[in-house]
C-alpha atoms as a PDB file:
ATOM      1  CA  UNK A   1     -40.933 183.422  20.446  1.00  0.00           C
ATOM      2  CA  UNK A   2     -39.498 183.400  23.936  1.00  0.00           C
ATOM      3  CA  UNK A   3     -41.818 182.562  26.823  1.00  0.00           C
ATOM      4  CA  UNK A   4     -41.931 186.216  27.834  1.00  0.00           C
ATOM      5  CA  UNK A   5     -42.922 187.202  24.298  1.00  0.00           C
ATOM      6  CA  UNK A   6     -45.677 184.591  24.244  1.00  0.00           C
ATOM      7  CA  UNK A   7     -47.443 186.344  27.149  1.00  0.00           C
ATOM      8  CA  UNK A   8     -46.769 189.895  25.916  1.00  0.00           C
ATOM      9  CA  UNK A   9     -49.892 191.883  24.934  1.00  0.00           C
ATOM     10  CA  UNK A  10     -48.083 195.053  23.900  1.00  0.00           C
ATOM     11  CA  UNK A  11     -49.945 196.805  21.087  1.00  0.00           C
ATOM     12  CA  UNK A  12     -53.164 194.824  21.623  1.00  0.00           C
ATOM     13  CA  UNK A  13     -56.532 196.471  22.269  1.00  0.00           C
ATOM     14  CA  UNK A  14     -58.942 194.853  24.731  1.00  0.00           C
ATOM     15  CA  UNK A  15     -62.522 195.497  25.855  1.00  0.00           C
ATOM     16  CA  UNK A  16     -63.604 194.348  29.314  1.00  0.00           C
ATOM     17  CA  UNK A  17     -67.324 194.600  30.071  1.00  0.00           C
ATOM     18  CA  UNK A  18     -68.217 195.149  33.704  1.00  0.00           C
ATOM     19  CA  UNK A  19     -64.668 196.398  34.125  1.00  0.00           C
ATOM     20  CA  UNK A  20     -65.214 198.977  36.834  1.00  0.00           C
ATOM     21  CA  UNK A  21     -65.138 196.733  39.921  1.00  0.00           C
ATOM     22  CA  UNK A  22     -64.476 193.245  41.232  1.00  0.00           C
ATOM     23  CA  UNK A  23     -63.203 190.617  38.847  1.00  0.00           C
ATOM     24  CA  UNK A  24     -63.669 192.949  35.879  1.00  0.00           C
ATOM     25  CA  UNK A  25     -61.176 195.417  37.261  1.00  0.00           C
ATOM     26  CA  UNK A  26     -58.740 192.613  38.060  1.00  0.00           C
ATOM     27  CA  UNK A  27     -59.048 191.419  34.457  1.00  0.00           C
ATOM     28  CA  UNK A  28     -58.571 194.919  33.019  1.00  0.00           C
ATOM     29  CA  UNK A  29     -55.536 195.402  35.239  1.00  0.00           C
ATOM     30  CA  UNK A  30     -54.044 192.079  34.145  1.00  0.00           C
ATOM     31  CA  UNK A  31     -54.430 192.841  30.442  1.00  0.00           C
ATOM     32  CA  UNK A  32     -53.020 196.335  30.914  1.00  0.00           C
ATOM     33  CA  UNK A  33     -50.061 195.103  32.946  1.00  0.00           C
ATOM     34  CA  UNK A  34     -49.307 192.695  30.092  1.00  0.00           C
ATOM     35  CA  UNK A  35     -49.162 195.659  27.707  1.00  0.00           C
ATOM     36  CA  UNK A  36     -52.676 195.981  26.265  1.00  0.00           C
ATOM     37  CA  UNK A  37     -54.701 199.150  25.862  1.00  0.00           C
ATOM     38  CA  UNK A  38     -57.963 198.571  27.698  1.00  0.00           C
ATOM     39  CA  UNK A  39     -61.515 199.843  27.238  1.00  0.00           C
ATOM     40  CA  UNK A  40     -63.709 199.201  30.269  1.00  0.00           C
ATOM     41  CA  UNK A  41     -67.484 199.407  30.305  1.00  0.00           C
ATOM     42  CA  UNK A  42     -70.143 199.507  32.997  1.00  0.00           C
ATOM     43  CA  UNK A  43     -73.588 200.966  33.541  1.00  0.00           C
ATOM     44  CA  UNK A  44     -72.517 203.428  36.267  1.00  0.00           C
ATOM     45  CA  UNK A  45     -70.166 206.275  35.420  1.00  0.00           C
ATOM     46  CA  UNK A  46     -69.193 206.784  39.080  1.00  0.00           C
ATOM     47  CA  UNK A  47     -67.358 203.468  39.359  1.00  0.00           C
ATOM     48  CA  UNK A  48     -66.004 203.643  35.814  1.00  0.00           C
ATOM     49  CA  UNK A  49     -64.260 206.958  36.374  1.00  0.00           C
ATOM     50  CA  UNK A  50     -62.639 205.696  39.555  1.00  0.00           C
ATOM     51  CA  UNK A  51     -61.470 202.506  37.855  1.00  0.00           C
ATOM     52  CA  UNK A  52     -60.100 204.407  34.865  1.00  0.00           C
ATOM     53  CA  UNK A  53     -58.128 206.677  37.174  1.00  0.00           C
ATOM     54  CA  UNK A  54     -56.677 203.680  39.019  1.00  0.00           C
ATOM     55  CA  UNK A  55     -55.676 201.947  35.800  1.00  0.00           C
ATOM     56  CA  UNK A  56     -54.132 205.080  34.319  1.00  0.00           C
ATOM     57  CA  UNK A  57     -52.209 205.738  37.528  1.00  0.00           C
ATOM     58  CA  UNK A  58     -50.766 202.236  37.081  1.00  0.00           C
ATOM     59  CA  UNK A  59     -49.508 203.248  33.627  1.00  0.00           C
ATOM     60  CA  UNK A  60     -52.271 201.544  31.627  1.00  0.00           C
ATOM     61  CA  UNK A  61     -53.794 203.321  28.634  1.00  0.00           C
ATOM     62  CA  UNK A  62     -57.519 203.180  29.323  1.00  0.00           C
ATOM     63  CA  UNK A  63     -60.843 204.216  27.818  1.00  0.00           C
ATOM     64  CA  UNK A  64     -64.083 204.083  29.802  1.00  0.00           C
ATOM     65  CA  UNK A  65     -67.496 203.758  28.160  1.00  0.00           C
ATOM     66  CA  UNK A  66     -70.795 203.970  30.014  1.00  0.00           C
ATOM     67  CA  UNK A  67     -72.849 201.211  28.405  1.00  0.00           C
ATOM     68  CA  UNK A  68     -75.325 198.455  29.222  1.00  0.00           C
ATOM     69  CA  UNK A  69     -73.881 195.304  27.650  1.00  0.00           C
ATOM     70  CA  UNK A  70     -77.316 193.664  27.515  1.00  0.00           C
ATOM     71  CA  UNK A  71     -78.657 196.328  25.136  1.00  0.00           C
ATOM     72  CA  UNK A  72     -77.658 196.489  21.496  1.00  0.00           C
ATOM     73  CA  UNK A  73     -77.247 200.272  21.387  1.00  0.00           C
ATOM     74  CA  UNK A  74     -74.924 200.247  24.381  1.00  0.00           C
ATOM     75  CA  UNK A  75     -72.773 197.537  22.798  1.00  0.00           C
ATOM     76  CA  UNK A  76     -72.634 199.384  19.461  1.00  0.00           C
ATOM     77  CA  UNK A  77     -71.499 202.475  21.371  1.00  0.00           C
ATOM     78  CA  UNK A  78     -68.790 200.450  23.128  1.00  0.00           C
ATOM     79  CA  UNK A  79     -67.510 199.074  19.826  1.00  0.00           C
ATOM     80  CA  UNK A  80     -67.642 202.427  18.030  1.00  0.00           C
ATOM     81  CA  UNK A  81     -65.777 204.346  20.721  1.00  0.00           C
ATOM     82  CA  UNK A  82     -63.071 201.692  20.998  1.00  0.00           C
ATOM     83  CA  UNK A  83     -62.544 201.658  17.220  1.00  0.00           C
ATOM     84  CA  UNK A  84     -62.573 205.445  17.069  1.00  0.00           C
ATOM     85  CA  UNK A  85     -59.791 205.641  19.656  1.00  0.00           C
ATOM     86  CA  UNK A  86     -57.595 202.696  18.645  1.00  0.00           C
ATOM     87  CA  UNK A  87     -58.862 201.395  15.281  1.00  0.00           C
ATOM     88  CA  UNK A  88     -58.964 197.715  16.213  1.00  0.00           C
ATOM     89  CA  UNK A  89     -60.353 195.269  18.796  1.00  0.00           C
ATOM     90  CA  UNK A  90     -58.059 192.326  19.461  1.00  0.00           C
ATOM     91  CA  UNK A  91     -59.517 190.989  22.710  1.00  0.00           C
ATOM     92  CA  UNK A  92     -63.019 190.955  24.195  1.00  0.00           C
ATOM     93  CA  UNK A  93     -63.666 189.828  27.759  1.00  0.00           C
ATOM     94  CA  UNK A  94     -67.369 189.380  28.516  1.00  0.00           C
ATOM     95  CA  UNK A  95     -67.348 189.822  32.275  1.00  0.00           C
ATOM     96  CA  UNK A  96     -70.503 191.854  33.013  1.00  0.00           C
ATOM     97  CA  UNK A  97     -72.979 189.786  34.994  1.00  0.00           C
ATOM     98  CA  UNK A  98     -75.429 189.602  37.876  1.00  0.00           C
ATOM     99  CA  UNK A  99     -76.623 186.935  40.282  1.00  0.00           C
ATOM    100  CA  UNK A 100     -79.934 186.346  42.057  1.00  0.00           C
ATOM    101  CA  UNK A 101     -80.336 183.792  44.827  1.00  0.00           C
ATOM    102  CA  UNK A 102     -83.589 181.880  45.313  1.00  0.00           C
ATOM    103  CA  UNK A 103     -84.719 178.262  45.723  1.00  0.00           C
ATOM    104  CA  UNK A 104     -85.874 176.846  42.368  1.00  0.00           C
ATOM    105  CA  UNK A 105     -89.522 176.683  43.448  1.00  0.00           C
ATOM    106  CA  UNK A 106     -89.410 180.349  44.498  1.00  0.00           C
ATOM    107  CA  UNK A 107     -87.444 181.882  41.587  1.00  0.00           C
ATOM    108  CA  UNK A 108     -89.740 184.490  40.036  1.00  0.00           C
ATOM    109  CA  UNK A 109     -89.778 184.832  36.263  1.00  0.00           C
ATOM    110  CA  UNK A 110     -88.897 188.510  36.365  1.00  0.00           C
ATOM    111  CA  UNK A 111     -85.695 187.705  38.276  1.00  0.00           C
ATOM    112  CA  UNK A 112     -85.004 184.759  35.951  1.00  0.00           C
ATOM    113  CA  UNK A 113     -85.299 187.118  32.965  1.00  0.00           C
ATOM    114  CA  UNK A 114     -83.159 189.751  34.701  1.00  0.00           C
ATOM    115  CA  UNK A 115     -80.279 187.307  35.199  1.00  0.00           C
ATOM    116  CA  UNK A 116     -80.591 185.663  31.787  1.00  0.00           C
ATOM    117  CA  UNK A 117     -80.812 189.000  29.950  1.00  0.00           C
ATOM    118  CA  UNK A 118     -77.641 190.431  31.434  1.00  0.00           C
ATOM    119  CA  UNK A 119     -75.564 187.257  31.608  1.00  0.00           C
ATOM    120  CA  UNK A 120     -76.539 185.195  28.558  1.00  0.00           C
ATOM    121  CA  UNK A 121     -78.196 187.753  26.268  1.00  0.00           C
ATOM    122  CA  UNK A 122     -75.558 190.373  27.071  1.00  0.00           C
ATOM    123  CA  UNK A 123     -72.694 187.983  26.353  1.00  0.00           C
ATOM    124  CA  UNK A 124     -74.262 187.005  23.036  1.00  0.00           C
ATOM    125  CA  UNK A 125     -74.823 190.603  21.935  1.00  0.00           C
ATOM    126  CA  UNK A 126     -71.223 191.521  22.749  1.00  0.00           C
ATOM    127  CA  UNK A 127     -69.881 188.429  20.954  1.00  0.00           C
ATOM    128  CA  UNK A 128     -72.066 189.186  17.953  1.00  0.00           C
ATOM    129  CA  UNK A 129     -71.166 192.868  17.581  1.00  0.00           C
ATOM    130  CA  UNK A 130     -67.451 192.531  18.353  1.00  0.00           C
ATOM    131  CA  UNK A 131     -67.345 189.268  16.404  1.00  0.00           C
ATOM    132  CA  UNK A 132     -68.455 191.067  13.232  1.00  0.00           C
ATOM    133  CA  UNK A 133     -65.441 193.367  13.549  1.00  0.00           C
ATOM    134  CA  UNK A 134     -63.100 190.477  14.325  1.00  0.00           C
ATOM    135  CA  UNK A 135     -64.402 188.565  11.289  1.00  0.00           C
ATOM    136  CA  UNK A 136     -63.668 191.593   9.140  1.00  0.00           C
ATOM    137  CA  UNK A 137     -60.178 191.846  10.676  1.00  0.00           C
ATOM    138  CA  UNK A 138     -59.630 188.082  10.259  1.00  0.00           C
ATOM    139  CA  UNK A 139     -58.374 187.810  13.845  1.00  0.00           C
ATOM    140  CA  UNK A 140     -59.620 188.133  17.416  1.00  0.00           C
ATOM    141  CA  UNK A 141     -59.783 186.605  20.852  1.00  0.00           C
ATOM    142  CA  UNK A 142     -62.931 186.348  22.972  1.00  0.00           C
ATOM    143  CA  UNK A 143     -62.908 185.314  26.629  1.00  0.00           C
ATOM    144  CA  UNK A 144     -66.277 184.747  28.290  1.00  0.00           C
ATOM    145  CA  UNK A 145     -66.532 184.756  32.068  1.00  0.00           C
ATOM    146  CA  UNK A 146     -68.659 181.786  33.032  1.00  0.00           C
ATOM    147  CA  UNK A 147     -68.835 180.048  36.424  1.00  0.00           C
ATOM    148  CA  UNK A 148     -67.979 176.696  37.940  1.00  0.00           C
ATOM    149  CA  UNK A 149     -71.653 176.401  38.955  1.00  0.00           C
ATOM    150  CA  UNK A 150     -72.528 176.514  35.250  1.00  0.00           C
ATOM    151  CA  UNK A 151     -70.342 173.444  34.696  1.00  0.00           C
ATOM    152  CA  UNK A 152     -71.668 171.296  37.544  1.00  0.00           C
ATOM    153  CA  UNK A 153     -74.269 171.483  40.288  1.00  0.00           C
ATOM    154  CA  UNK A 154     -73.783 173.026  43.712  1.00  0.00           C
ATOM    155  CA  UNK A 155     -74.705 171.871  47.198  1.00  0.00           C
ATOM    156  CA  UNK A 156     -77.867 173.885  48.034  1.00  0.00           C
ATOM    157  CA  UNK A 157     -76.393 174.505  51.489  1.00  0.00           C
ATOM    158  CA  UNK A 158     -73.724 176.607  49.766  1.00  0.00           C
ATOM    159  CA  UNK A 159     -76.229 178.617  47.734  1.00  0.00           C
ATOM    160  CA  UNK A 160     -79.225 178.371  45.412  1.00  0.00           C
ATOM    161  CA  UNK A 161     -78.684 180.126  42.067  1.00  0.00           C
ATOM    162  CA  UNK A 162     -80.696 178.253  39.443  1.00  0.00           C
ATOM    163  CA  UNK A 163     -81.080 181.260  37.121  1.00  0.00           C
ATOM    164  CA  UNK A 164     -77.418 182.201  37.407  1.00  0.00           C
ATOM    165  CA  UNK A 165     -76.363 178.601  36.773  1.00  0.00           C
ATOM    166  CA  UNK A 166     -78.553 178.367  33.680  1.00  0.00           C
ATOM    167  CA  UNK A 167     -77.182 181.641  32.316  1.00  0.00           C
ATOM    168  CA  UNK A 168     -73.589 180.494  32.788  1.00  0.00           C
ATOM    169  CA  UNK A 169     -74.306 177.094  31.220  1.00  0.00           C
ATOM    170  CA  UNK A 170     -75.666 179.016  28.229  1.00  0.00           C
ATOM    171  CA  UNK A 171     -72.389 180.936  28.040  1.00  0.00           C
ATOM    172  CA  UNK A 172     -70.452 177.667  28.037  1.00  0.00           C
ATOM    173  CA  UNK A 173     -72.214 176.213  24.986  1.00  0.00           C
ATOM    174  CA  UNK A 174     -72.102 179.614  23.293  1.00  0.00           C
ATOM    175  CA  UNK A 175     -68.332 179.596  23.794  1.00  0.00           C
ATOM    176  CA  UNK A 176     -67.947 176.181  22.190  1.00  0.00           C
ATOM    177  CA  UNK A 177     -70.215 176.891  19.225  1.00  0.00           C
ATOM    178  CA  UNK A 178     -68.639 180.261  18.427  1.00  0.00           C
ATOM    179  CA  UNK A 179     -65.192 178.670  18.593  1.00  0.00           C
ATOM    180  CA  UNK A 180     -66.313 176.192  15.928  1.00  0.00           C
ATOM    181  CA  UNK A 181     -68.001 178.761  13.700  1.00  0.00           C
ATOM    182  CA  UNK A 182     -65.391 181.495  13.945  1.00  0.00           C
ATOM    183  CA  UNK A 183     -62.232 179.383  13.986  1.00  0.00           C
ATOM    184  CA  UNK A 184     -61.814 179.804  10.204  1.00  0.00           C
ATOM    185  CA  UNK A 185     -61.630 183.590  10.774  1.00  0.00           C
ATOM    186  CA  UNK A 186     -58.697 183.147  13.174  1.00  0.00           C
ATOM    187  CA  UNK A 187     -60.932 184.015  16.127  1.00  0.00           C
ATOM    188  CA  UNK A 188     -60.453 182.049  19.337  1.00  0.00           C
ATOM    189  CA  UNK A 189     -63.267 181.791  21.881  1.00  0.00           C
ATOM    190  CA  UNK A 190     -62.717 180.417  25.393  1.00  0.00           C
ATOM    191  CA  UNK A 191     -64.277 180.799  28.827  1.00  0.00           C
ATOM    192  CA  UNK A 192     -63.034 181.086  32.387  1.00  0.00           C
ATOM    193  CA  UNK A 193     -65.323 179.471  34.976  1.00  0.00           C
ATOM    194  CA  UNK A 194     -64.451 180.728  38.464  1.00  0.00           C
ATOM    195  CA  UNK A 195     -65.998 179.393  41.622  1.00  0.00           C
ATOM    196  CA  UNK A 196     -67.089 181.975  44.216  1.00  0.00           C
ATOM    197  CA  UNK A 197     -63.933 184.063  44.533  1.00  0.00           C
ATOM    198  CA  UNK A 198     -63.806 186.514  47.436  1.00  0.00           C
ATOM    199  CA  UNK A 199     -65.209 189.738  45.964  1.00  0.00           C
ATOM    200  CA  UNK A 200     -67.651 192.429  47.043  1.00  0.00           C
ATOM    201  CA  UNK A 201     -70.506 190.463  45.468  1.00  0.00           C
ATOM    202  CA  UNK A 202     -69.658 187.182  47.199  1.00  0.00           C
ATOM    203  CA  UNK A 203     -68.337 188.285  50.591  1.00  0.00           C
ATOM    204  CA  UNK A 204     -71.744 188.039  52.301  1.00  0.00           C
ATOM    205  CA  UNK A 205     -72.411 184.606  50.796  1.00  0.00           C
ATOM    206  CA  UNK A 206     -68.982 183.318  51.821  1.00  0.00           C
ATOM    207  CA  UNK A 207     -69.482 184.650  55.347  1.00  0.00           C
ATOM    208  CA  UNK A 208     -72.820 182.825  55.559  1.00  0.00           C
ATOM    209  CA  UNK A 209     -72.032 179.513  53.837  1.00  0.00           C
ATOM    210  CA  UNK A 210     -68.245 179.467  53.599  1.00  0.00           C
ATOM    211  CA  UNK A 211     -67.804 176.590  56.014  1.00  0.00           C
ATOM    212  CA  UNK A 212     -69.962 174.343  53.834  1.00  0.00           C
ATOM    213  CA  UNK A 213     -68.275 175.632  50.648  1.00  0.00           C
ATOM    214  CA  UNK A 214     -64.889 174.552  51.937  1.00  0.00           C
ATOM    215  CA  UNK A 215     -66.108 170.945  52.220  1.00  0.00           C
ATOM    216  CA  UNK A 216     -66.295 170.854  48.420  1.00  0.00           C
ATOM    217  CA  UNK A 217     -63.024 172.640  47.612  1.00  0.00           C
ATOM    218  CA  UNK A 218     -60.074 170.200  47.479  1.00  0.00           C
ATOM    219  CA  UNK A 219     -57.589 173.042  47.967  1.00  0.00           C
ATOM    220  CA  UNK A 220     -59.375 173.933  51.211  1.00  0.00           C
ATOM    221  CA  UNK A 221     -59.730 177.663  50.645  1.00  0.00           C
ATOM    222  CA  UNK A 222     -61.798 180.236  48.773  1.00  0.00           C
ATOM    223  CA  UNK A 223     -60.070 181.790  45.777  1.00  0.00           C
ATOM    224  CA  UNK A 224     -58.616 185.284  45.733  1.00  0.00           C
ATOM    225  CA  UNK A 225     -59.905 187.712  43.057  1.00  0.00           C
ATOM    226  CA  UNK A 226     -56.411 188.363  41.706  1.00  0.00           C
ATOM    227  CA  UNK A 227     -56.104 184.676  40.866  1.00  0.00           C
ATOM    228  CA  UNK A 228     -58.106 185.326  37.701  1.00  0.00           C
ATOM    229  CA  UNK A 229     -55.316 187.501  36.286  1.00  0.00           C
ATOM    230  CA  UNK A 230     -52.927 184.768  35.172  1.00  0.00           C
ATOM    231  CA  UNK A 231     -55.447 182.643  33.299  1.00  0.00           C
ATOM    232  CA  UNK A 232     -56.839 185.760  31.604  1.00  0.00           C
ATOM    233  CA  UNK A 233     -53.452 186.794  30.244  1.00  0.00           C
ATOM    234  CA  UNK A 234     -52.765 183.203  29.199  1.00  0.00           C
ATOM    235  CA  UNK A 235     -55.980 182.969  27.166  1.00  0.00           C
ATOM    236  CA  UNK A 236     -55.578 186.490  25.739  1.00  0.00           C
ATOM    237  CA  UNK A 237     -52.019 185.913  24.545  1.00  0.00           C
ATOM    238  CA  UNK A 238     -50.119 183.812  22.014  1.00  0.00           C
ATOM    239  CA  UNK A 239     -49.268 181.458  24.883  1.00  0.00           C
ATOM    240  CA  UNK A 240     -52.655 179.807  24.204  1.00  0.00           C
ATOM    241  CA  UNK A 241     -52.592 180.164  20.403  1.00  0.00           C
ATOM    242  CA  UNK A 242     -53.928 176.634  19.758  1.00  0.00           C
ATOM    243  CA  UNK A 243     -56.602 176.653  22.444  1.00  0.00           C
ATOM    244  CA  UNK A 244     -60.204 177.453  21.566  1.00  0.00           C
ATOM    245  CA  UNK A 245     -63.665 176.284  22.625  1.00  0.00           C
ATOM    246  CA  UNK A 246     -62.485 175.466  26.144  1.00  0.00           C
ATOM    247  CA  UNK A 247     -63.978 176.151  29.581  1.00  0.00           C
ATOM    248  CA  UNK A 248     -61.190 176.579  32.140  1.00  0.00           C
ATOM    249  CA  UNK A 249     -62.392 176.163  35.719  1.00  0.00           C
ATOM    250  CA  UNK A 250     -60.787 178.404  38.307  1.00  0.00           C
ATOM    251  CA  UNK A 251     -62.242 176.654  41.317  1.00  0.00           C
ATOM    252  CA  UNK A 252     -59.623 175.055  43.579  1.00  0.00           C
ATOM    253  CA  UNK A 253     -60.667 171.657  42.240  1.00  0.00           C
ATOM    254  CA  UNK A 254     -64.380 171.882  43.028  1.00  0.00           C
ATOM    255  CA  UNK A 255     -65.498 170.526  39.646  1.00  0.00           C
ATOM    256  CA  UNK A 256     -63.082 167.588  39.964  1.00  0.00           C
ATOM    257  CA  UNK A 257     -65.605 165.735  42.170  1.00  0.00           C
END
């Protein structure tokens, strides 16, 4: 294979949860630009329709499915509609997630459960349901979206996200264990762990604590959302064919401390 062929996703079918906005839309765009057909899911039809239109206008074949990735019925619907349209699922990107900020001594259990259910439980359900299909196919590629703050701690002056951090740490060990268990089925499982890239969800936080954040970023700047595109295509393609069970930090060097 030439280098260009290694990164080519033509003919592949991908699902991106939380694909209607932010990093999810960047990921869906990246996979589509590399040649994949892309199913995007989210809980709100309003944003899904807009995202689908944008992707299709860019020449990407796209399916949108309104589904809650933390609920089994929503995930089964996502899988069924993707298979009905394209007959296979080659790539799953578990991107859907939420964050809740609170000091550890003030984090309420209902908010803890809210974050853990969507981030950790939702990722597991999607891995489980899509994984069954990939095991049957004897091939597949799962990319979980974790976070750099699930790999190492964070200066409290930059933010306090104990529930979010715990949920992302759960995703990291899930990624490693599934890579071990599903490797014999030719299924690769990896994770991308971004730091706080500049998106709609993080803009307010960056505006408030950005100066302190920069102290901990060796590259001296906050990441751009489109910077997730390259690593996504790398992990989704044959360019990373012998890589599994890895957590790749997209953090400007923050976790190098």
